[in-house]
Full PDB file with SEQRES, HELIX, SHEET, SSBOND, CRYST1, ORIGX, SCALE, CONECT and MASTER records, all heavy atoms in Angstrom:
SEQRES   1 A   38  ASP GLY MET ARG LYS ALA MET MET ALA SER GLY ALA VAL          
SEQRES   2 A   38  VAL ASN THR ASP LEU PRO THR GLU SER LEU LYS MET ALA          
SEQRES   3 A   38  MET THR ILE VAL ALA THR GLY PRO ILE LEU LEU ALA              
HELIX    1 AA1 GLY A    2  ALA A    9  1                                   8    
HELIX    2 AA2 GLU A   21  LEU A   37  1                                  17    
CRYST1    1.000    1.000    1.000  90.00  90.00  90.00 P 1           1          
ORIGX1      1.000000  0.000000  0.000000        0.00000                         
ORIGX2      0.000000  1.000000  0.000000        0.00000                         
ORIGX3      0.000000  0.000000  1.000000        0.00000                         
SCALE1      1.000000  0.000000  0.000000        0.00000                         
SCALE2      0.000000  1.000000  0.000000        0.00000                         
SCALE3      0.000000  0.000000  1.000000        0.00000                         
ATOM      1  N   ASP A   1      -0.677 -14.047  33.865  1.00  0.00           N  
ATOM      2  CA  ASP A   1       0.416 -13.565  34.720  1.00  0.00           C  
ATOM      3  C   ASP A   1       1.757 -13.659  34.007  1.00  0.00           C  
ATOM      4  O   ASP A   1       2.653 -12.798  34.142  1.00  0.00           O  
ATOM      5  CB  ASP A   1       0.458 -14.339  36.036  1.00  0.00           C  
ATOM      6  CG  ASP A   1      -0.724 -14.038  36.937  1.00  0.00           C  
ATOM      7  OD1 ASP A   1      -1.361 -12.932  36.736  1.00  0.00           O  
ATOM      8  OD2 ASP A   1      -1.108 -14.866  37.716  1.00  0.00           O  
ATOM      9  N   GLY A   2       1.968 -14.777  33.279  1.00  0.00           N  
ATOM     10  CA  GLY A   2       3.208 -14.941  32.561  1.00  0.00           C  
ATOM     11  C   GLY A   2       3.399 -13.858  31.483  1.00  0.00           C  
ATOM     12  O   GLY A   2       4.500 -13.390  31.258  1.00  0.00           O  
ATOM     13  N   MET A   3       2.314 -13.499  30.834  1.00  0.00           N  
ATOM     14  CA  MET A   3       2.422 -12.485  29.762  1.00  0.00           C  
ATOM     15  C   MET A   3       2.728 -11.132  30.391  1.00  0.00           C  
ATOM     16  O   MET A   3       3.592 -10.386  29.867  1.00  0.00           O  
ATOM     17  CB  MET A   3       1.074 -12.397  29.031  1.00  0.00           C  
ATOM     18  CG  MET A   3       1.102 -11.405  27.839  1.00  0.00           C  
ATOM     19  SD  MET A   3      -0.395 -11.575  26.873  1.00  0.00           S  
ATOM     20  CE  MET A   3      -1.660 -11.126  28.055  1.00  0.00           C  
ATOM     21  N   ARG A   4       2.173 -10.816  31.530  1.00  0.00           N  
ATOM     22  CA  ARG A   4       2.501  -9.531  32.203  1.00  0.00           C  
ATOM     23  C   ARG A   4       3.938  -9.480  32.663  1.00  0.00           C  
ATOM     24  O   ARG A   4       4.663  -8.437  32.516  1.00  0.00           O  
ATOM     25  CB  ARG A   4       1.570  -9.330  33.413  1.00  0.00           C  
ATOM     26  CG  ARG A   4       0.111  -9.031  33.094  1.00  0.00           C  
ATOM     27  CD  ARG A   4      -0.694  -8.903  34.304  1.00  0.00           C  
ATOM     28  NE  ARG A   4      -0.290  -7.771  35.116  1.00  0.00           N  
ATOM     29  CZ  ARG A   4      -0.800  -6.557  35.050  1.00  0.00           C  
ATOM     30  NH1 ARG A   4      -1.758  -6.307  34.229  1.00  0.00           N  
ATOM     31  NH2 ARG A   4      -0.359  -5.582  35.817  1.00  0.00           N  
ATOM     32  N   LYS A   5       4.431 -10.598  33.188  1.00  0.00           N  
ATOM     33  CA  LYS A   5       5.837 -10.640  33.661  1.00  0.00           C  
ATOM     34  C   LYS A   5       6.824 -10.522  32.512  1.00  0.00           C  
ATOM     35  O   LYS A   5       7.826  -9.926  32.619  1.00  0.00           O  
ATOM     36  CB  LYS A   5       6.075 -11.921  34.444  1.00  0.00           C  
ATOM     37  CG  LYS A   5       5.373 -11.952  35.804  1.00  0.00           C  
ATOM     38  CD  LYS A   5       5.617 -13.297  36.550  1.00  0.00           C  
ATOM     39  CE  LYS A   5       4.849 -13.297  37.867  1.00  0.00           C  
ATOM     40  NZ  LYS A   5       5.055 -14.599  38.598  1.00  0.00           N  
ATOM     41  N   ALA A   6       6.459 -11.194  31.407  1.00  0.00           N  
ATOM     42  CA  ALA A   6       7.312 -11.100  30.215  1.00  0.00           C  
ATOM     43  C   ALA A   6       7.381  -9.683  29.652  1.00  0.00           C  
ATOM     44  O   ALA A   6       8.433  -9.228  29.248  1.00  0.00           O  
ATOM     45  CB  ALA A   6       6.824 -12.104  29.123  1.00  0.00           C  
ATOM     46  N   MET A   7       6.263  -8.968  29.684  1.00  0.00           N  
ATOM     47  CA  MET A   7       6.210  -7.594  29.203  1.00  0.00           C  
ATOM     48  C   MET A   7       7.057  -6.699  30.116  1.00  0.00           C  
ATOM     49  O   MET A   7       7.770  -5.810  29.645  1.00  0.00           O  
ATOM     50  CB  MET A   7       4.763  -7.130  29.124  1.00  0.00           C  
ATOM     51  CG  MET A   7       3.929  -7.772  28.037  1.00  0.00           C  
ATOM     52  SD  MET A   7       2.201  -7.351  28.106  1.00  0.00           S  
ATOM     53  CE  MET A   7       2.322  -5.593  27.723  1.00  0.00           C  
ATOM     54  N   MET A   8       6.916  -6.915  31.437  1.00  0.00           N  
ATOM     55  CA  MET A   8       7.706  -6.131  32.376  1.00  0.00           C  
ATOM     56  C   MET A   8       9.207  -6.405  32.266  1.00  0.00           C  
ATOM     57  O   MET A   8      10.041  -5.493  32.351  1.00  0.00           O  
ATOM     58  CB  MET A   8       7.245  -6.379  33.793  1.00  0.00           C  
ATOM     59  CG  MET A   8       5.796  -5.904  34.092  1.00  0.00           C  
ATOM     60  SD  MET A   8       5.221  -6.378  35.724  1.00  0.00           S  
ATOM     61  CE  MET A   8       6.422  -5.456  36.741  1.00  0.00           C  
ATOM     62  N   ALA A   9       9.565  -7.682  32.020  1.00  0.00           N  
ATOM     63  CA  ALA A   9      10.989  -8.035  31.860  1.00  0.00           C  
ATOM     64  C   ALA A   9      11.632  -7.479  30.613  1.00  0.00           C  
ATOM     65  O   ALA A   9      12.816  -7.124  30.583  1.00  0.00           O  
ATOM     66  CB  ALA A   9      11.135  -9.539  31.888  1.00  0.00           C  
ATOM     67  N   SER A  10      10.810  -7.322  29.570  1.00  0.00           N  
ATOM     68  CA  SER A  10      11.353  -6.801  28.291  1.00  0.00           C  
ATOM     69  C   SER A  10      11.353  -5.288  28.240  1.00  0.00           C  
ATOM     70  O   SER A  10      11.803  -4.729  27.264  1.00  0.00           O  
ATOM     71  CB  SER A  10      10.480  -7.370  27.140  1.00  0.00           C  
ATOM     72  OG  SER A  10       9.175  -6.933  27.254  1.00  0.00           O  
ATOM     73  N   GLY A  11      10.811  -4.678  29.312  1.00  0.00           N  
ATOM     74  CA  GLY A  11      10.792  -3.208  29.369  1.00  0.00           C  
ATOM     75  C   GLY A  11       9.618  -2.592  28.648  1.00  0.00           C  
ATOM     76  O   GLY A  11       9.549  -1.356  28.514  1.00  0.00           O  
ATOM     77  N   ALA A  12       8.698  -3.392  28.191  1.00  0.00           N  
ATOM     78  CA  ALA A  12       7.508  -2.875  27.481  1.00  0.00           C  
ATOM     79  C   ALA A  12       6.537  -2.256  28.509  1.00  0.00           C  
ATOM     80  O   ALA A  12       6.557  -2.579  29.695  1.00  0.00           O  
ATOM     81  CB  ALA A  12       6.862  -3.984  26.729  1.00  0.00           C  
ATOM     82  N   VAL A  13       5.710  -1.393  28.014  1.00  0.00           N  
ATOM     83  CA  VAL A  13       4.735  -0.733  28.845  1.00  0.00           C  
ATOM     84  C   VAL A  13       3.555  -1.693  29.085  1.00  0.00           C  
ATOM     85  O   VAL A  13       2.973  -2.183  28.141  1.00  0.00           O  
ATOM     86  CB  VAL A  13       4.214   0.567  28.239  1.00  0.00           C  
ATOM     87  CG1 VAL A  13       3.135   1.197  29.102  1.00  0.00           C  
ATOM     88  CG2 VAL A  13       5.361   1.525  27.995  1.00  0.00           C  
ATOM     89  N   VAL A  14       3.329  -2.003  30.363  1.00  0.00           N  
ATOM     90  CA  VAL A  14       2.273  -2.896  30.707  1.00  0.00           C  
ATOM     91  C   VAL A  14       0.931  -2.169  30.695  1.00  0.00           C  
ATOM     92  O   VAL A  14       0.763  -1.136  31.349  1.00  0.00           O  
ATOM     93  CB  VAL A  14       2.490  -3.578  32.094  1.00  0.00           C  
ATOM     94  CG1 VAL A  14       1.348  -4.549  32.428  1.00  0.00           C  
ATOM     95  CG2 VAL A  14       3.833  -4.255  32.087  1.00  0.00           C  
ATOM     96  N   ASN A  15      -0.018  -2.698  30.007  1.00  0.00           N  
ATOM     97  CA  ASN A  15      -1.355  -2.083  29.900  1.00  0.00           C  
ATOM     98  C   ASN A  15      -2.082  -2.295  31.214  1.00  0.00           C  
ATOM     99  O   ASN A  15      -2.394  -3.460  31.640  1.00  0.00           O  
ATOM    100  CB  ASN A  15      -2.119  -2.704  28.768  1.00  0.00           C  
ATOM    101  CG  ASN A  15      -3.464  -2.022  28.543  1.00  0.00           C  
ATOM    102  OD1 ASN A  15      -3.765  -0.992  29.164  1.00  0.00           O  
ATOM    103  ND2 ASN A  15      -4.302  -2.563  27.659  1.00  0.00           N  
ATOM    104  N   THR A  16      -2.389  -1.228  31.916  1.00  0.00           N  
ATOM    105  CA  THR A  16      -3.098  -1.350  33.251  1.00  0.00           C  
ATOM    106  C   THR A  16      -4.581  -1.792  33.060  1.00  0.00           C  
ATOM    107  O   THR A  16      -5.158  -2.190  34.038  1.00  0.00           O  
ATOM    108  CB  THR A  16      -3.080  -0.004  33.969  1.00  0.00           C  
ATOM    109  OG1 THR A  16      -3.647   1.023  33.119  1.00  0.00           O  
ATOM    110  CG2 THR A  16      -1.647   0.403  34.306  1.00  0.00           C  
ATOM    111  N   ASP A  17      -5.058  -1.656  31.853  1.00  0.00           N  
ATOM    112  CA  ASP A  17      -6.446  -2.112  31.602  1.00  0.00           C  
ATOM    113  C   ASP A  17      -6.540  -3.552  31.354  1.00  0.00           C  
ATOM    114  O   ASP A  17      -7.673  -4.132  31.177  1.00  0.00           O  
ATOM    115  CB  ASP A  17      -7.048  -1.368  30.427  1.00  0.00           C  
ATOM    116  CG  ASP A  17      -7.267   0.117  30.743  1.00  0.00           C  
ATOM    117  OD1 ASP A  17      -7.441   0.473  31.905  1.00  0.00           O  
ATOM    118  OD2 ASP A  17      -7.183   0.972  29.792  1.00  0.00           O  
ATOM    119  N   LEU A  18      -5.405  -4.291  31.285  1.00  0.00           N  
ATOM    120  CA  LEU A  18      -5.436  -5.705  31.060  1.00  0.00           C  
ATOM    121  C   LEU A  18      -6.020  -6.384  32.333  1.00  0.00           C  
ATOM    122  O   LEU A  18      -5.463  -6.292  33.395  1.00  0.00           O  
ATOM    123  CB  LEU A  18      -4.001  -6.245  30.860  1.00  0.00           C  
ATOM    124  CG  LEU A  18      -3.864  -7.704  30.349  1.00  0.00           C  
ATOM    125  CD1 LEU A  18      -4.476  -7.887  28.953  1.00  0.00           C  
ATOM    126  CD2 LEU A  18      -2.385  -8.126  30.371  1.00  0.00           C  
ATOM    127  N   PRO A  19      -7.206  -7.002  32.185  1.00  0.00           N  
ATOM    128  CA  PRO A  19      -7.893  -7.530  33.389  1.00  0.00           C  
ATOM    129  C   PRO A  19      -7.170  -8.691  34.017  1.00  0.00           C  
ATOM    130  O   PRO A  19      -7.197  -9.812  33.527  1.00  0.00           O  
ATOM    131  CB  PRO A  19      -9.260  -7.888  32.859  1.00  0.00           C  
ATOM    132  CG  PRO A  19      -8.991  -8.242  31.389  1.00  0.00           C  
ATOM    133  CD  PRO A  19      -7.932  -7.314  30.964  1.00  0.00           C  
ATOM    134  N   THR A  20      -6.592  -8.435  35.175  1.00  0.00           N  
ATOM    135  CA  THR A  20      -5.940  -9.496  35.953  1.00  0.00           C  
ATOM    136  C   THR A  20      -6.742  -9.823  37.231  1.00  0.00           C  
ATOM    137  O   THR A  20      -7.188 -10.932  37.489  1.00  0.00           O  
ATOM    138  CB  THR A  20      -4.502  -9.172  36.287  1.00  0.00           C  
ATOM    139  OG1 THR A  20      -3.752  -8.912  35.084  1.00  0.00           O  
ATOM    140  CG2 THR A  20      -3.835 -10.279  37.052  1.00  0.00           C  
ATOM    141  N   GLU A  21      -6.917  -8.774  38.015  1.00  0.00           N  
ATOM    142  CA  GLU A  21      -7.654  -8.939  39.267  1.00  0.00           C  
ATOM    143  C   GLU A  21      -9.151  -9.201  38.956  1.00  0.00           C  
ATOM    144  O   GLU A  21      -9.773 -10.029  39.591  1.00  0.00           O  
ATOM    145  CB  GLU A  21      -7.531  -7.696  40.151  1.00  0.00           C  
ATOM    146  CG  GLU A  21      -6.093  -7.389  40.612  1.00  0.00           C  
ATOM    147  CD  GLU A  21      -5.545  -8.581  41.422  1.00  0.00           C  
ATOM    148  OE1 GLU A  21      -6.272  -9.190  42.131  1.00  0.00           O  
ATOM    149  OE2 GLU A  21      -4.333  -8.772  41.350  1.00  0.00           O  
ATOM    150  N   SER A  22      -9.676  -8.430  38.039  1.00  0.00           N  
ATOM    151  CA  SER A  22     -11.103  -8.668  37.680  1.00  0.00           C  
ATOM    152  C   SER A  22     -11.294 -10.039  37.026  1.00  0.00           C  
ATOM    153  O   SER A  22     -12.347 -10.680  37.216  1.00  0.00           O  
ATOM    154  CB  SER A  22     -11.601  -7.538  36.745  1.00  0.00           C  
ATOM    155  OG  SER A  22     -10.800  -7.515  35.545  1.00  0.00           O  
ATOM    156  N   LEU A  23     -10.308 -10.512  36.319  1.00  0.00           N  
ATOM    157  CA  LEU A  23     -10.337 -11.867  35.707  1.00  0.00           C  
ATOM    158  C   LEU A  23     -10.390 -12.944  36.792  1.00  0.00           C  
ATOM    159  O   LEU A  23     -11.115 -13.920  36.644  1.00  0.00           O  
ATOM    160  CB  LEU A  23      -9.163 -12.073  34.789  1.00  0.00           C  
ATOM    161  CG  LEU A  23      -9.138 -13.422  34.048  1.00  0.00           C  
ATOM    162  CD1 LEU A  23     -10.290 -13.527  33.107  1.00  0.00           C  
ATOM    163  CD2 LEU A  23      -7.814 -13.554  33.248  1.00  0.00           C  
ATOM    164  N   LYS A  24      -9.632 -12.752  37.856  1.00  0.00           N  
ATOM    165  CA  LYS A  24      -9.678 -13.679  38.966  1.00  0.00           C  
ATOM    166  C   LYS A  24     -11.086 -13.789  39.557  1.00  0.00           C  
ATOM    167  O   LYS A  24     -11.567 -14.853  39.906  1.00  0.00           O  
ATOM    168  CB  LYS A  24      -8.700 -13.310  40.072  1.00  0.00           C  
ATOM    169  CG  LYS A  24      -7.225 -13.377  39.608  1.00  0.00           C  
ATOM    170  CD  LYS A  24      -6.307 -12.890  40.729  1.00  0.00           C  
ATOM    171  CE  LYS A  24      -4.823 -12.927  40.292  1.00  0.00           C  
ATOM    172  NZ  LYS A  24      -3.931 -12.398  41.355  1.00  0.00           N  
ATOM    173  N   MET A  25     -11.730 -12.587  39.740  1.00  0.00           N  
ATOM    174  CA  MET A  25     -13.046 -12.576  40.332  1.00  0.00           C  
ATOM    175  C   MET A  25     -14.024 -13.236  39.330  1.00  0.00           C  
ATOM    176  O   MET A  25     -14.991 -13.942  39.790  1.00  0.00           O  
ATOM    177  CB  MET A  25     -13.444 -11.216  40.648  1.00  0.00           C  
ATOM    178  CG  MET A  25     -12.506 -10.483  41.612  1.00  0.00           C  
ATOM    179  SD  MET A  25     -12.398 -11.403  43.149  1.00  0.00           S  
ATOM    180  CE  MET A  25     -10.996 -10.552  43.954  1.00  0.00           C  
ATOM    181  N   ALA A  26     -13.902 -12.916  38.073  1.00  0.00           N  
ATOM    182  CA  ALA A  26     -14.816 -13.545  37.079  1.00  0.00           C  
ATOM    183  C   ALA A  26     -14.664 -15.089  37.043  1.00  0.00           C  
ATOM    184  O   ALA A  26     -15.625 -15.824  36.909  1.00  0.00           O  
ATOM    185  CB  ALA A  26     -14.529 -12.986  35.700  1.00  0.00           C  
ATOM    186  N   MET A  27     -13.424 -15.539  37.212  1.00  0.00           N  
ATOM    187  CA  MET A  27     -13.164 -16.995  37.273  1.00  0.00           C  
ATOM    188  C   MET A  27     -13.841 -17.613  38.477  1.00  0.00           C  
ATOM    189  O   MET A  27     -14.385 -18.739  38.401  1.00  0.00           O  
ATOM    190  CB  MET A  27     -11.647 -17.289  37.329  1.00  0.00           C  
ATOM    191  CG  MET A  27     -10.931 -17.051  36.018  1.00  0.00           C  
ATOM    192  SD  MET A  27      -9.156 -17.358  36.205  1.00  0.00           S  
ATOM    193  CE  MET A  27      -8.629 -17.165  34.511  1.00  0.00           C  
ATOM    194  N   THR A  28     -13.826 -16.874  39.612  1.00  0.00           N  
ATOM    195  CA  THR A  28     -14.497 -17.359  40.795  1.00  0.00           C  
ATOM    196  C   THR A  28     -15.982 -17.535  40.599  1.00  0.00           C  
ATOM    197  O   THR A  28     -16.596 -18.514  40.998  1.00  0.00           O  
ATOM    198  CB  THR A  28     -14.231 -16.409  42.000  1.00  0.00           C  
ATOM    199  OG1 THR A  28     -12.834 -16.248  42.157  1.00  0.00           O  
ATOM    200  CG2 THR A  28     -14.873 -16.895  43.254  1.00  0.00           C  
ATOM    201  N   ILE A  29     -16.585 -16.534  39.915  1.00  0.00           N  
ATOM    202  CA  ILE A  29     -18.015 -16.617  39.627  1.00  0.00           C  
ATOM    203  C   ILE A  29     -18.345 -17.758  38.702  1.00  0.00           C  
ATOM    204  O   ILE A  29     -19.288 -18.522  38.932  1.00  0.00           O  
ATOM    205  CB  ILE A  29     -18.503 -15.295  39.012  1.00  0.00           C  
ATOM    206  CG1 ILE A  29     -18.295 -14.125  39.967  1.00  0.00           C  
ATOM    207  CG2 ILE A  29     -19.975 -15.398  38.595  1.00  0.00           C  
ATOM    208  CD1 ILE A  29     -19.043 -14.224  41.255  1.00  0.00           C  
ATOM    209  N   VAL A  30     -17.564 -17.915  37.658  1.00  0.00           N  
ATOM    210  CA  VAL A  30     -17.793 -19.019  36.658  1.00  0.00           C  
ATOM    211  C   VAL A  30     -17.563 -20.377  37.350  1.00  0.00           C  
ATOM    212  O   VAL A  30     -18.347 -21.296  37.046  1.00  0.00           O  
ATOM    213  CB  VAL A  30     -16.806 -18.837  35.486  1.00  0.00           C  
ATOM    214  CG1 VAL A  30     -16.844 -20.081  34.568  1.00  0.00           C  
ATOM    215  CG2 VAL A  30     -17.160 -17.611  34.705  1.00  0.00           C  
ATOM    216  N   ALA A  31     -16.599 -20.477  38.268  1.00  0.00           N  
ATOM    217  CA  ALA A  31     -16.324 -21.782  38.869  1.00  0.00           C  
ATOM    218  C   ALA A  31     -17.316 -22.175  39.924  1.00  0.00           C  
ATOM    219  O   ALA A  31     -17.609 -23.353  40.169  1.00  0.00           O  
ATOM    220  CB  ALA A  31     -14.877 -21.761  39.464  1.00  0.00           C  
ATOM    221  N   THR A  32     -17.813 -21.172  40.679  1.00  0.00           N  
ATOM    222  CA  THR A  32     -18.702 -21.490  41.820  1.00  0.00           C  
ATOM    223  C   THR A  32     -20.211 -21.341  41.473  1.00  0.00           C  
ATOM    224  O   THR A  32     -21.049 -21.864  42.200  1.00  0.00           O  
ATOM    225  CB  THR A  32     -18.430 -20.539  42.996  1.00  0.00           C  
ATOM    226  OG1 THR A  32     -18.629 -19.179  42.586  1.00  0.00           O  
ATOM    227  CG2 THR A  32     -17.015 -20.768  43.486  1.00  0.00           C  
ATOM    228  N   GLY A  33     -20.522 -20.726  40.344  1.00  0.00           N  
ATOM    229  CA  GLY A  33     -21.893 -20.464  39.995  1.00  0.00           C  
ATOM    230  C   GLY A  33     -22.741 -21.750  39.891  1.00  0.00           C  
ATOM    231  O   GLY A  33     -23.813 -21.842  40.602  1.00  0.00           O  
ATOM    232  N   PRO A  34     -22.372 -22.719  39.129  1.00  0.00           N  
ATOM    233  CA  PRO A  34     -23.256 -23.921  39.021  1.00  0.00           C  
ATOM    234  C   PRO A  34     -23.382 -24.709  40.287  1.00  0.00           C  
ATOM    235  O   PRO A  34     -24.508 -25.162  40.604  1.00  0.00           O  
ATOM    236  CB  PRO A  34     -22.429 -24.769  37.996  1.00  0.00           C  
ATOM    237  CG  PRO A  34     -21.622 -23.795  37.192  1.00  0.00           C  
ATOM    238  CD  PRO A  34     -21.273 -22.750  38.172  1.00  0.00           C  
ATOM    239  N   ILE A  35     -22.374 -24.772  41.151  1.00  0.00           N  
ATOM    240  CA  ILE A  35     -22.527 -25.522  42.394  1.00  0.00           C  
ATOM    241  C   ILE A  35     -23.392 -24.786  43.364  1.00  0.00           C  
ATOM    242  O   ILE A  35     -24.086 -25.372  44.160  1.00  0.00           O  
ATOM    243  CB  ILE A  35     -21.094 -25.820  42.974  1.00  0.00           C  
ATOM    244  CG1 ILE A  35     -21.106 -27.048  43.846  1.00  0.00           C  
ATOM    245  CG2 ILE A  35     -20.573 -24.628  43.749  1.00  0.00           C  
ATOM    246  CD1 ILE A  35     -21.297 -28.339  43.108  1.00  0.00           C  
ATOM    247  N   LEU A  36     -23.402 -23.427  43.282  1.00  0.00           N  
ATOM    248  CA  LEU A  36     -24.318 -22.665  44.112  1.00  0.00           C  
ATOM    249  C   LEU A  36     -25.727 -22.823  43.695  1.00  0.00           C  
ATOM    250  O   LEU A  36     -26.628 -22.878  44.520  1.00  0.00           O  
ATOM    251  CB  LEU A  36     -23.914 -21.169  44.081  1.00  0.00           C  
ATOM    252  CG  LEU A  36     -22.647 -20.742  44.852  1.00  0.00           C  
ATOM    253  CD1 LEU A  36     -22.346 -19.258  44.596  1.00  0.00           C  
ATOM    254  CD2 LEU A  36     -22.769 -21.062  46.320  1.00  0.00           C  
ATOM    255  N   LEU A  37     -25.971 -22.916  42.369  1.00  0.00           N  
ATOM    256  CA  LEU A  37     -27.328 -23.163  41.909  1.00  0.00           C  
ATOM    257  C   LEU A  37     -27.846 -24.548  42.249  1.00  0.00           C  
ATOM    258  O   LEU A  37     -29.060 -24.714  42.462  1.00  0.00           O  
ATOM    259  CB  LEU A  37     -27.381 -22.907  40.386  1.00  0.00           C  
ATOM    260  CG  LEU A  37     -27.082 -21.484  39.924  1.00  0.00           C  
ATOM    261  CD1 LEU A  37     -27.057 -21.461  38.366  1.00  0.00           C  
ATOM    262  CD2 LEU A  37     -28.089 -20.528  40.428  1.00  0.00           C  
ATOM    263  N   ALA A  38     -26.967 -25.509  42.349  1.00  0.00           N  
ATOM    264  CA  ALA A  38     -27.374 -26.868  42.632  1.00  0.00           C  
ATOM    265  C   ALA A  38     -27.619 -27.098  44.146  1.00  0.00           C  
ATOM    266  O   ALA A  38     -28.370 -27.997  44.522  1.00  0.00           O  
ATOM    267  CB  ALA A  38     -26.343 -27.865  42.129  1.00  0.00           C  
TER     268      ALA A  38                                                      
MASTER        0    0    0    2    0    0    0    6  267    1    0    3          
END                                                                             
């Protein structure tokens, strides 16, 4: 998030393919997967 905000503040074009929302979901899977299996 900090990298995206810095790019927007500097006027650079933010890459829409940079996974932010999908990264949050992937983090949820990685964080909850082992406890669900146990």
